[in-house]
Amino acid sequence: MKQLPYRFEKYISADFPVYMSNPIDKKNLISGHYHRDAEINQVLSGSVQFRVGTAVHLLHAGDIIFFGPYVMHEAKSETEDASIRGFIFDTSILGEIVDLTSAPDSFYLLDTNHPQYEEANMLFEVMHTTYSECSPTFRLRIKAYLMLFSSILQENGFLMSDNDTRNVKRTAPVISYIKENYAHELSIKELASIMNVCNDTLIRVFKSENGQTPFSYIMNLRICEALKLLSEGKHSISEIASRTGFSSSSYFIKIFKEKLGSSPSKYQKEHFGF
């Protein structure tokens, strides 16, 4: 894979896996990639287009976006003055109190109109200051700030505590099943049986809770997983199609074009340099 604008593996301390980034490329601020770490990015100036899996979001100065672990993402400048900064961290430093791997969604956006934006912005600012100063207590302080930032995510339904069942979706077991079995053939009848409801009820409830039909969710998940394999540059198109649950290479290419506007091979060359 081609060299990224920054290296998130380069931690300030080997025993404390956090990293502050300031991408330097004026167009491709963040090349398409994913990693096991969680990541927070903020637009410092101008406008930036973030792609998260198959979805595209336009962020402006001040906006903050959080990515969970193993989420494919990239960022491109939309204006000449666009710049961003990021904070990448291994979720293990938060211990068992915060589980960022079980989040129902892949990202969370805190724009400047979000009711808790000022708090999130303050935490992000002090994290960067603390990281830069590297005081004797910087590990403890950064861990505390990340805990507080995670509490904002939890308060807004992005994360759940062990004893909080208020925001549990009825379709949560279905989503878990899809994530575990997306590489296999899945039917609506099979998914409906998990909730013990009829096909029509599953589709209605799933769309109400997740903003898309089960079929769309499955296709988006498969494409997101395909993007990860494309970014590695060592798998053929037919192999990727097979490993992500598509019945044929031609069907995979068809869906990929519908979602991302180009063929897998063309996208791989333009975004991942292969």
Protein backbone atom coordinates (compact mmCIF):
# COMPACT_ATOMS: atom_id res chain seq x y z
CA MET A 1 0.00 0.00 0.00
CA LYS A 2 1.27 3.46 -0.80
CA GLN A 3 2.61 5.63 2.00
CA LEU A 4 -0.04 7.45 3.97
CA PRO A 5 0.14 11.17 4.87
CA TYR A 6 0.85 10.07 8.44
CA ARG A 7 1.80 6.94 10.33
CA PHE A 8 -0.63 6.13 13.10
CA GLU A 9 1.69 3.35 14.34
CA LYS A 10 4.28 5.90 15.48
CA TYR A 11 3.22 6.29 19.09
CA ILE A 12 4.85 8.89 21.30
CA SER A 13 5.62 6.14 23.80
CA ALA A 14 5.80 2.41 23.09
CA ASP A 15 3.85 1.57 26.22
CA PHE A 16 1.09 4.14 25.61
CA PRO A 17 -0.43 3.71 22.12
CA VAL A 18 -1.79 7.15 21.23
CA TYR A 19 -0.78 9.32 18.30
CA MET A 20 -1.53 12.89 17.21
CA SER A 21 -1.58 13.57 13.47
CA ASN A 22 -1.59 16.59 11.20
CA PRO A 23 -1.95 15.24 7.63
CA ILE A 24 0.25 17.10 5.18
CA ASP A 25 -1.15 16.28 1.73
CA LYS A 26 -3.27 19.18 0.46
CA LYS A 27 -5.69 17.04 -1.57
CA ASN A 28 -5.73 13.56 -0.05
CA LEU A 29 -5.64 14.52 3.61
CA ILE A 30 -6.21 10.90 4.62
CA SER A 31 -5.70 8.16 2.05
CA GLY A 32 -8.17 5.30 2.23
CA HIS A 33 -7.22 2.91 5.03
CA TYR A 34 -8.39 1.14 8.17
CA HIS A 35 -6.69 0.01 11.36
CA ARG A 36 -7.43 -1.54 14.72
CA ASP A 37 -7.22 1.81 16.50
CA ALA A 38 -10.03 4.29 17.07
CA GLU A 39 -9.61 7.75 15.57
CA ILE A 40 -10.93 11.27 16.12
CA ASN A 41 -10.57 13.92 13.42
CA GLN A 42 -11.41 17.62 13.41
CA VAL A 43 -11.57 20.02 10.48
CA LEU A 44 -9.42 23.02 11.38
CA SER A 45 -10.26 25.13 8.33
CA GLY A 46 -12.12 24.93 5.04
CA SER A 47 -14.28 21.99 4.02
CA VAL A 48 -13.33 18.31 3.91
CA GLN A 49 -15.08 15.33 2.36
CA PHE A 50 -14.89 12.25 4.57
CA ARG A 51 -15.76 8.87 3.12
CA VAL A 52 -16.71 6.27 5.72
CA GLY A 53 -17.22 2.93 4.04
CA THR A 54 -19.72 3.66 1.28
CA ALA A 55 -21.06 6.89 2.79
CA VAL A 56 -19.77 10.41 2.10
CA HIS A 57 -20.00 13.30 4.58
CA LEU A 58 -18.98 16.92 4.04
CA LEU A 59 -17.50 18.52 7.16
CA HIS A 60 -16.65 22.15 7.76
CA ALA A 61 -14.32 24.07 10.07
CA GLY A 62 -14.73 22.93 13.68
CA ASP A 63 -16.64 19.73 12.96
CA ILE A 64 -15.44 16.57 14.72
CA ILE A 65 -15.83 12.98 13.52
CA PHE A 66 -15.06 9.78 15.43
CA PHE A 67 -14.21 6.46 13.76
CA GLY A 68 -14.42 3.14 15.54
CA PRO A 69 -11.78 0.41 15.09
CA TYR A 70 -11.47 -1.32 11.70
CA VAL A 71 -13.53 1.30 9.87
CA MET A 72 -12.45 2.11 6.29
CA HIS A 73 -12.16 5.89 5.93
CA GLU A 74 -10.49 8.63 3.92
CA ALA A 75 -10.57 12.43 3.67
CA LYS A 76 -10.14 14.82 0.75
CA SER A 77 -9.90 18.60 0.62
CA GLU A 78 -12.94 20.39 -0.77
CA THR A 79 -11.41 23.87 -0.46
CA GLU A 80 -7.89 25.25 -0.86
CA ASP A 81 -7.62 26.14 2.83
CA ALA A 82 -8.75 22.73 4.09
CA SER A 83 -6.77 21.25 6.98
CA ILE A 84 -7.46 18.69 9.67
CA ARG A 85 -5.91 17.18 12.78
CA GLY A 86 -6.40 13.76 14.26
CA PHE A 87 -5.96 11.74 17.41
CA ILE A 88 -5.50 7.98 17.06
CA PHE A 89 -5.48 5.56 19.99
CA ASP A 90 -5.54 1.87 20.79
CA THR A 91 -8.82 1.24 22.59
CA SER A 92 -7.08 -1.06 25.06
CA ILE A 93 -5.84 1.96 27.01
CA LEU A 94 -9.43 2.55 28.16
CA GLY A 95 -9.59 -0.90 29.74
CA GLU A 96 -12.90 -2.73 30.11
CA ILE A 97 -14.92 0.33 31.06
CA VAL A 98 -15.36 1.47 27.46
CA ASP A 99 -15.90 -1.04 24.65
CA LEU A 100 -15.55 0.82 21.34
CA THR A 101 -15.61 -2.39 19.32
CA SER A 102 -19.29 -3.07 20.10
CA ALA A 103 -20.67 0.23 18.79
CA PRO A 104 -23.68 -0.30 16.49
CA ASP A 105 -22.37 2.25 13.98
CA SER A 106 -18.96 2.84 12.47
CA PHE A 107 -18.66 6.57 13.16
CA TYR A 108 -20.18 9.48 15.07
CA LEU A 109 -20.33 13.10 13.96
CA LEU A 110 -20.25 16.08 16.30
CA ASP A 111 -20.80 19.15 14.16
CA THR A 112 -20.71 22.67 15.56
CA ASN A 113 -24.49 22.55 16.18
CA HIS A 114 -24.35 19.39 18.30
CA PRO A 115 -25.59 20.07 21.88
CA GLN A 116 -22.35 18.68 23.35
CA TYR A 117 -20.02 20.11 20.74
CA GLU A 118 -18.36 22.63 23.06
CA GLU A 119 -17.48 19.93 25.57
CA ALA A 120 -16.12 17.61 22.86
CA ASN A 121 -14.14 20.43 21.28
CA MET A 122 -12.60 21.36 24.63
CA LEU A 123 -11.59 17.76 25.30
CA PHE A 124 -10.05 17.41 21.86
CA GLU A 125 -8.11 20.64 22.35
CA VAL A 126 -6.67 19.66 25.73
CA MET A 127 -5.76 16.19 24.39
CA HIS A 128 -3.62 17.81 21.72
CA THR A 129 -2.06 20.26 24.17
CA THR A 130 -1.30 17.52 26.68
CA TYR A 131 0.17 15.29 23.97
CA SER A 132 2.41 18.10 22.69
CA GLU A 133 3.67 19.08 26.13
CA CYS A 134 4.27 15.44 27.15
CA SER A 135 4.31 16.20 30.86
CA PRO A 136 5.06 13.47 33.43
CA THR A 137 1.31 12.93 33.86
CA PHE A 138 0.34 13.03 30.17
CA ARG A 139 -0.70 9.34 30.10
CA LEU A 140 -3.13 9.76 32.95
CA ARG A 141 -4.53 13.02 31.60
CA ILE A 142 -5.04 11.75 28.04
CA LYS A 143 -6.70 8.59 29.33
CA ALA A 144 -9.05 10.74 31.42
CA TYR A 145 -9.90 12.98 28.45
CA LEU A 146 -10.58 9.95 26.25
CA MET A 147 -12.85 8.54 28.95
CA LEU A 148 -14.79 11.81 29.03
CA PHE A 149 -14.99 11.90 25.23
CA SER A 150 -16.29 8.32 25.26
CA SER A 151 -18.94 9.34 27.79
CA ILE A 152 -20.28 11.83 25.22
CA LEU A 153 -20.56 9.01 22.70
CA GLN A 154 -22.39 6.87 25.24
CA GLU A 155 -24.76 9.65 26.27
CA ASN A 156 -25.75 10.01 22.62
CA GLY A 157 -26.43 6.32 22.06
CA PHE A 158 -23.25 5.51 20.16
CA LEU A 159 -22.01 3.32 22.99
CA MET A 160 -23.89 1.43 25.67
CA SER A 161 -22.97 0.58 29.22
CA ASP A 162 -23.54 -2.96 30.47
CA ASN A 163 -26.66 -1.97 32.40
CA ASP A 164 -28.19 0.43 29.88
CA THR A 165 -30.93 -1.23 27.82
CA ARG A 166 -32.93 1.89 26.94
CA ASN A 167 -31.39 2.30 23.52
CA VAL A 168 -31.15 -1.34 22.52
CA LYS A 169 -32.56 -1.80 19.04
CA ARG A 170 -34.99 -4.65 18.44
CA THR A 171 -32.90 -5.50 15.41
CA ALA A 172 -29.61 -5.68 17.35
CA PRO A 173 -29.51 -9.51 17.25
CA VAL A 174 -30.17 -9.39 13.50
CA ILE A 175 -27.33 -6.92 12.95
CA SER A 176 -24.96 -9.07 15.01
CA TYR A 177 -25.95 -12.11 12.96
CA ILE A 178 -25.41 -10.24 9.68
CA LYS A 179 -21.96 -9.05 10.79
CA GLU A 180 -20.96 -12.61 11.64
CA ASN A 181 -22.41 -14.17 8.48
CA TYR A 182 -22.26 -11.50 5.75
CA ALA A 183 -19.93 -13.69 3.70
CA HIS A 184 -22.66 -16.31 3.36
CA GLU A 185 -26.01 -16.24 1.59
CA LEU A 186 -28.63 -14.57 3.80
CA SER A 187 -32.39 -14.50 3.36
CA ILE A 188 -35.05 -12.25 4.83
CA LYS A 189 -36.83 -15.32 6.18
CA GLU A 190 -33.66 -16.39 7.97
CA LEU A 191 -33.20 -12.93 9.52
CA ALA A 192 -36.89 -12.61 10.45
CA SER A 193 -36.70 -15.88 12.38
CA ILE A 194 -34.08 -14.35 14.67
CA MET A 195 -36.66 -11.81 15.85
CA ASN A 196 -39.50 -14.32 15.57
CA VAL A 197 -41.48 -12.04 13.26
CA CYS A 198 -42.75 -12.21 9.70
CA ASN A 199 -40.69 -10.94 6.76
CA ASP A 200 -42.68 -7.72 6.35
CA THR A 201 -42.36 -6.85 10.05
CA LEU A 202 -38.61 -7.39 9.98
CA ILE A 203 -38.20 -5.10 6.97
CA ARG A 204 -40.41 -2.40 8.51
CA VAL A 205 -38.73 -2.45 11.93
CA PHE A 206 -35.23 -2.74 10.48
CA LYS A 207 -35.74 0.27 8.22
CA SER A 208 -37.28 2.28 11.06
CA GLU A 209 -34.34 1.59 13.40
CA ASN A 210 -31.47 1.64 10.91
CA GLY A 211 -32.60 3.92 8.10
CA GLN A 212 -32.22 1.22 5.45
CA THR A 213 -33.59 -2.18 4.54
CA PRO A 214 -31.85 -5.39 5.61
CA PHE A 215 -30.79 -5.95 1.99
CA SER A 216 -29.18 -2.48 1.76
CA TYR A 217 -27.44 -3.00 5.11
CA ILE A 218 -25.99 -6.31 3.95
CA MET A 219 -24.80 -4.87 0.64
CA ASN A 220 -23.18 -1.86 2.33
CA LEU A 221 -21.44 -4.10 4.85
CA ARG A 222 -20.14 -6.38 2.10
CA ILE A 223 -18.81 -3.43 0.12
CA CYS A 224 -17.12 -2.01 3.23
CA GLU A 225 -15.41 -5.35 3.82
CA ALA A 226 -14.46 -5.49 0.15
CA LEU A 227 -12.84 -2.06 0.46
CA LYS A 228 -10.61 -3.37 3.23
CA LEU A 229 -9.47 -6.24 1.04
CA LEU A 230 -8.90 -3.92 -1.91
CA SER A 231 -6.73 -1.66 0.27
CA GLU A 232 -4.42 -4.60 1.03
CA GLY A 233 -3.58 -5.04 -2.68
CA LYS A 234 -3.08 -8.79 -2.53
CA HIS A 235 -6.46 -10.24 -3.49
CA SER A 236 -8.04 -10.75 -6.90
CA ILE A 237 -11.47 -9.34 -7.67
CA SER A 238 -12.96 -12.84 -7.82
CA GLU A 239 -11.42 -13.71 -4.44
CA ILE A 240 -12.77 -10.53 -2.85
CA ALA A 241 -16.23 -11.21 -4.28
CA SER A 242 -16.20 -14.72 -2.83
CA ARG A 243 -14.88 -13.66 0.57
CA THR A 244 -17.49 -10.93 1.01
CA GLY A 245 -20.60 -12.91 0.11
CA PHE A 246 -21.23 -12.00 -3.51
CA SER A 247 -22.50 -14.79 -5.75
CA SER A 248 -20.21 -13.82 -8.63
CA SER A 249 -17.54 -11.33 -9.64
CA SER A 250 -19.89 -9.66 -12.10
CA TYR A 251 -22.51 -9.10 -9.40
CA PHE A 252 -19.87 -7.72 -7.05
CA ILE A 253 -18.65 -5.30 -9.73
CA LYS A 254 -22.24 -4.23 -10.47
CA ILE A 255 -23.04 -3.44 -6.81
CA PHE A 256 -19.66 -1.79 -6.28
CA LYS A 257 -20.27 0.57 -9.21
CA GLU A 258 -23.72 1.42 -7.87
CA LYS A 259 -22.34 2.27 -4.43
CA LEU A 260 -19.05 3.98 -5.32
CA GLY A 261 -19.36 5.06 -8.94
CA SER A 262 -16.48 3.06 -10.41
CA SER A 263 -15.30 -0.50 -10.81
CA PRO A 264 -13.36 -2.17 -7.96
CA SER A 265 -10.16 -2.20 -10.05
CA LYS A 266 -10.42 1.49 -10.93
CA TYR A 267 -11.27 2.44 -7.35
CA GLN A 268 -8.33 0.40 -6.06
CA LYS A 269 -5.92 2.18 -8.38
CA GLU A 270 -7.24 5.68 -7.64
CA HIS A 271 -7.61 5.33 -3.87
CA PHE A 272 -5.07 2.71 -2.82
CA GLY A 273 -2.37 3.08 -5.48
CA PHE A 274 -2.44 -0.51 -6.79
